[in-house]
Amino acid sequence: MTSQVLLPPHEVIDRWPQLRALLAGAVEEGHGELEVDDILRLATGGRMFVFVLRGEADIAAVTVEFVDYPRHRAMVVGFGGGRGAAPHADHIAQVLRGFARRAGAQRLITYVKNPAMARFHERFFGATRAYTVMELDA
């Protein structure tokens, strides 16, 4: 049996070696926004939240944080990693949507650069492509 749970900060600290291993690959796919150990600091500081999909052992982890715009609040699904999460996609989506609603968010947003991950989010979560994100060094 699997379950997805929000980890309180003390559990993020206690489980950090395993969580770090699950999230490291996703952070490496980024553009230098943060290093994997920054997640620990952000999660224990209350800015970022870490969910874990548990089975016999932790299968996957995902981070979320909130962005407040003048007209709505969005929950950003940031970094996710692990193996074996696809069969549990409906459960993961329900848990994340429920958390977003309870926190007052109207939308869930995620950023992906790998086309396979875009298809994963479309297929398993019903996400739609809203923007193309462009970057330019300042």
C-alpha atoms as a PDB file:
ATOM      1  CA  MET A   1       0.000   0.000   0.000  1.00  0.00           C
ATOM      2  CA  THR A   2       1.229   3.490  -0.846  1.00  0.00           C
ATOM      3  CA  SER A   3       0.332   6.873   0.530  1.00  0.00           C
ATOM      4  CA  GLN A   4       1.440  10.405  -0.180  1.00  0.00           C
ATOM      5  CA  VAL A   5       2.051  12.552   2.855  1.00  0.00           C
ATOM      6  CA  LEU A   6       3.195  16.059   3.639  1.00  0.00           C
ATOM      7  CA  LEU A   7       6.301  15.856   5.790  1.00  0.00           C
ATOM      8  CA  PRO A   8       6.602  18.179   8.767  1.00  0.00           C
ATOM      9  CA  PRO A   9       9.974  19.998   8.900  1.00  0.00           C
ATOM     10  CA  HIS A  10      11.451  17.662  11.538  1.00  0.00           C
ATOM     11  CA  GLU A  11      10.782  14.653   9.268  1.00  0.00           C
ATOM     12  CA  VAL A  12      12.384  16.449   6.320  1.00  0.00           C
ATOM     13  CA  ILE A  13      15.483  16.847   8.505  1.00  0.00           C
ATOM     14  CA  ASP A  14      15.373  13.220   9.696  1.00  0.00           C
ATOM     15  CA  ARG A  15      14.854  11.836   6.183  1.00  0.00           C
ATOM     16  CA  TRP A  16      17.090  14.285   4.355  1.00  0.00           C
ATOM     17  CA  PRO A  17      19.696  11.784   3.043  1.00  0.00           C
ATOM     18  CA  GLN A  18      16.962   9.735   1.342  1.00  0.00           C
ATOM     19  CA  LEU A  19      14.980  12.800   0.210  1.00  0.00           C
ATOM     20  CA  ARG A  20      18.156  14.381  -1.113  1.00  0.00           C
ATOM     21  CA  ALA A  21      18.801  11.304  -3.259  1.00  0.00           C
ATOM     22  CA  LEU A  22      15.229  11.371  -4.610  1.00  0.00           C
ATOM     23  CA  LEU A  23      15.310  15.096  -5.476  1.00  0.00           C
ATOM     24  CA  ALA A  24      18.896  15.509  -6.703  1.00  0.00           C
ATOM     25  CA  GLY A  25      18.196  14.511 -10.306  1.00  0.00           C
ATOM     26  CA  ALA A  26      15.311  16.955 -10.637  1.00  0.00           C
ATOM     27  CA  VAL A  27      17.407  19.809  -9.262  1.00  0.00           C
ATOM     28  CA  GLU A  28      20.189  18.970 -11.731  1.00  0.00           C
ATOM     29  CA  GLU A  29      17.667  19.390 -14.577  1.00  0.00           C
ATOM     30  CA  GLY A  30      17.068  22.985 -13.496  1.00  0.00           C
ATOM     31  CA  HIS A  31      18.914  26.117 -14.492  1.00  0.00           C
ATOM     32  CA  GLY A  32      20.724  26.742 -11.232  1.00  0.00           C
ATOM     33  CA  GLU A  33      17.704  28.094  -9.338  1.00  0.00           C
ATOM     34  CA  LEU A  34      18.888  26.207  -6.291  1.00  0.00           C
ATOM     35  CA  GLU A  35      21.078  23.375  -5.123  1.00  0.00           C
ATOM     36  CA  VAL A  36      19.472  20.280  -3.647  1.00  0.00           C
ATOM     37  CA  ASP A  37      20.514  21.198  -0.094  1.00  0.00           C
ATOM     38  CA  ASP A  38      18.681  24.533  -0.471  1.00  0.00           C
ATOM     39  CA  ILE A  39      15.443  22.512  -0.394  1.00  0.00           C
ATOM     40  CA  LEU A  40      16.217  21.462   3.163  1.00  0.00           C
ATOM     41  CA  ARG A  41      16.711  25.088   4.215  1.00  0.00           C
ATOM     42  CA  LEU A  42      13.541  26.259   2.436  1.00  0.00           C
ATOM     43  CA  ALA A  43      11.451  23.400   3.847  1.00  0.00           C
ATOM     44  CA  THR A  44      12.610  23.903   7.414  1.00  0.00           C
ATOM     45  CA  GLY A  45      12.063  27.651   7.000  1.00  0.00           C
ATOM     46  CA  GLY A  46       8.430  27.190   5.974  1.00  0.00           C
ATOM     47  CA  ARG A  47       8.727  28.474   2.400  1.00  0.00           C
ATOM     48  CA  MET A  48       8.753  25.102   0.651  1.00  0.00           C
ATOM     49  CA  PHE A  49       6.815  21.937   1.440  1.00  0.00           C
ATOM     50  CA  VAL A  50       7.919  18.368   0.763  1.00  0.00           C
ATOM     51  CA  PHE A  51       5.537  15.511   0.011  1.00  0.00           C
ATOM     52  CA  VAL A  52       6.686  11.912  -0.106  1.00  0.00           C
ATOM     53  CA  LEU A  53       5.031   8.923  -1.742  1.00  0.00           C
ATOM     54  CA  ARG A  54       5.517   6.035   0.661  1.00  0.00           C
ATOM     55  CA  GLY A  55       5.385   2.356  -0.064  1.00  0.00           C
ATOM     56  CA  GLU A  56       7.663  -0.237   1.478  1.00  0.00           C
ATOM     57  CA  ALA A  57      10.162   2.630   1.328  1.00  0.00           C
ATOM     58  CA  ASP A  58       9.898   6.199   0.060  1.00  0.00           C
ATOM     59  CA  ILE A  59       9.192   5.927  -3.671  1.00  0.00           C
ATOM     60  CA  ALA A  60       9.171   9.568  -4.739  1.00  0.00           C
ATOM     61  CA  ALA A  61       9.310  13.087  -3.352  1.00  0.00           C
ATOM     62  CA  VAL A  62       7.905  16.372  -4.653  1.00  0.00           C
ATOM     63  CA  THR A  63       8.292  19.961  -3.495  1.00  0.00           C
ATOM     64  CA  VAL A  64       5.694  22.721  -3.623  1.00  0.00           C
ATOM     65  CA  GLU A  65       5.653  26.402  -2.764  1.00  0.00           C
ATOM     66  CA  PHE A  66       3.165  29.234  -3.163  1.00  0.00           C
ATOM     67  CA  VAL A  67       3.166  32.378  -5.280  1.00  0.00           C
ATOM     68  CA  ASP A  68       0.702  35.135  -4.463  1.00  0.00           C
ATOM     69  CA  TYR A  69      -0.431  37.271  -7.378  1.00  0.00           C
ATOM     70  CA  PRO A  70      -2.786  40.234  -7.007  1.00  0.00           C
ATOM     71  CA  ARG A  71      -5.739  38.215  -8.359  1.00  0.00           C
ATOM     72  CA  HIS A  72      -4.968  34.637  -7.326  1.00  0.00           C
ATOM     73  CA  ARG A  73      -2.700  32.309  -5.433  1.00  0.00           C
ATOM     74  CA  ALA A  74      -0.819  29.529  -7.223  1.00  0.00           C
ATOM     75  CA  MET A  75       0.886  26.462  -5.854  1.00  0.00           C
ATOM     76  CA  VAL A  76       4.062  25.741  -7.791  1.00  0.00           C
ATOM     77  CA  VAL A  77       4.974  22.072  -8.029  1.00  0.00           C
ATOM     78  CA  GLY A  78       8.722  22.502  -8.169  1.00  0.00           C
ATOM     79  CA  PHE A  79      10.964  19.477  -8.013  1.00  0.00           C
ATOM     80  CA  GLY A  80       9.993  15.841  -8.075  1.00  0.00           C
ATOM     81  CA  GLY A  81      11.993  12.685  -8.248  1.00  0.00           C
ATOM     82  CA  GLY A  82      11.950   9.000  -7.631  1.00  0.00           C
ATOM     83  CA  ARG A  83      10.667   5.875  -9.303  1.00  0.00           C
ATOM     84  CA  GLY A  84       7.338   4.159  -9.458  1.00  0.00           C
ATOM     85  CA  ALA A  85       5.081   7.211  -9.048  1.00  0.00           C
ATOM     86  CA  ALA A  86       3.190   6.904 -12.360  1.00  0.00           C
ATOM     87  CA  PRO A  87       0.750   4.199 -11.158  1.00  0.00           C
ATOM     88  CA  HIS A  88      -0.166   6.509  -8.272  1.00  0.00           C
ATOM     89  CA  ALA A  89      -0.649   9.666 -10.362  1.00  0.00           C
ATOM     90  CA  ASP A  90      -4.369  10.015  -9.568  1.00  0.00           C
ATOM     91  CA  HIS A  91      -3.689   9.793  -5.845  1.00  0.00           C
ATOM     92  CA  ILE A  92      -0.776  12.238  -6.085  1.00  0.00           C
ATOM     93  CA  ALA A  93      -2.924  14.722  -8.034  1.00  0.00           C
ATOM     94  CA  GLN A  94      -5.742  14.477  -5.480  1.00  0.00           C
ATOM     95  CA  VAL A  95      -3.392  15.056  -2.551  1.00  0.00           C
ATOM     96  CA  LEU A  96      -1.664  18.026  -4.197  1.00  0.00           C
ATOM     97  CA  ARG A  97      -4.946  19.599  -5.324  1.00  0.00           C
ATOM     98  CA  GLY A  98      -6.425  19.179  -1.857  1.00  0.00           C
ATOM     99  CA  PHE A  99      -3.393  20.804  -0.249  1.00  0.00           C
ATOM    100  CA  ALA A 100      -3.537  23.667  -2.765  1.00  0.00           C
ATOM    101  CA  ARG A 101      -7.238  24.305  -2.096  1.00  0.00           C
ATOM    102  CA  ARG A 102      -6.782  24.218   1.683  1.00  0.00           C
ATOM    103  CA  ALA A 103      -3.989  26.779   1.305  1.00  0.00           C
ATOM    104  CA  GLY A 104      -6.213  29.055  -0.789  1.00  0.00           C
ATOM    105  CA  ALA A 105      -4.608  28.387  -4.167  1.00  0.00           C
ATOM    106  CA  GLN A 106      -6.700  28.461  -7.310  1.00  0.00           C
ATOM    107  CA  ARG A 107      -4.078  26.980  -9.642  1.00  0.00           C
ATOM    108  CA  LEU A 108      -1.245  24.487  -9.702  1.00  0.00           C
ATOM    109  CA  ILE A 109       1.726  25.399 -11.857  1.00  0.00           C
ATOM    110  CA  THR A 110       4.813  23.427 -12.791  1.00  0.00           C
ATOM    111  CA  TYR A 111       7.803  24.130 -15.018  1.00  0.00           C
ATOM    112  CA  VAL A 112       9.313  21.386 -17.145  1.00  0.00           C
ATOM    113  CA  LYS A 113      11.980  21.494 -19.834  1.00  0.00           C
ATOM    114  CA  ASN A 114      12.035  17.834 -20.820  1.00  0.00           C
ATOM    115  CA  PRO A 115       9.255  17.156 -23.379  1.00  0.00           C
ATOM    116  CA  ALA A 116       8.711  13.726 -21.805  1.00  0.00           C
ATOM    117  CA  MET A 117       7.930  15.404 -18.470  1.00  0.00           C
ATOM    118  CA  ALA A 118       5.466  17.747 -20.185  1.00  0.00           C
ATOM    119  CA  ARG A 119       3.695  14.692 -21.619  1.00  0.00           C
ATOM    120  CA  PHE A 120       3.815  13.013 -18.194  1.00  0.00           C
ATOM    121  CA  HIS A 121       2.028  15.979 -16.584  1.00  0.00           C
ATOM    122  CA  GLU A 122      -0.503  16.144 -19.403  1.00  0.00           C
ATOM    123  CA  ARG A 123      -1.223  12.421 -19.347  1.00  0.00           C
ATOM    124  CA  PHE A 124      -1.217  11.688 -15.648  1.00  0.00           C
ATOM    125  CA  PHE A 125      -2.347  14.981 -14.143  1.00  0.00           C
ATOM    126  CA  GLY A 126      -4.434  16.553 -16.889  1.00  0.00           C
ATOM    127  CA  ALA A 127      -2.224  19.643 -17.006  1.00  0.00           C
ATOM    128  CA  THR A 128      -2.391  21.960 -20.008  1.00  0.00           C
ATOM    129  CA  ARG A 129       0.390  24.071 -21.468  1.00  0.00           C
ATOM    130  CA  ALA A 130      -0.280  27.669 -20.513  1.00  0.00           C
ATOM    131  CA  TYR A 131       2.982  29.460 -21.307  1.00  0.00           C
ATOM    132  CA  THR A 132       6.342  29.053 -22.926  1.00  0.00           C
ATOM    133  CA  VAL A 133       8.935  30.282 -20.439  1.00  0.00           C
ATOM    134  CA  MET A 134      11.826  32.221 -21.910  1.00  0.00           C
ATOM    135  CA  GLU A 135      15.036  33.077 -20.056  1.00  0.00           C
ATOM    136  CA  LEU A 136      17.702  35.675 -20.659  1.00  0.00           C
ATOM    137  CA  ASP A 137      20.715  36.434 -18.484  1.00  0.00           C
ATOM    138  CA  ALA A 138      20.493  39.883 -16.869  1.00  0.00           C
END
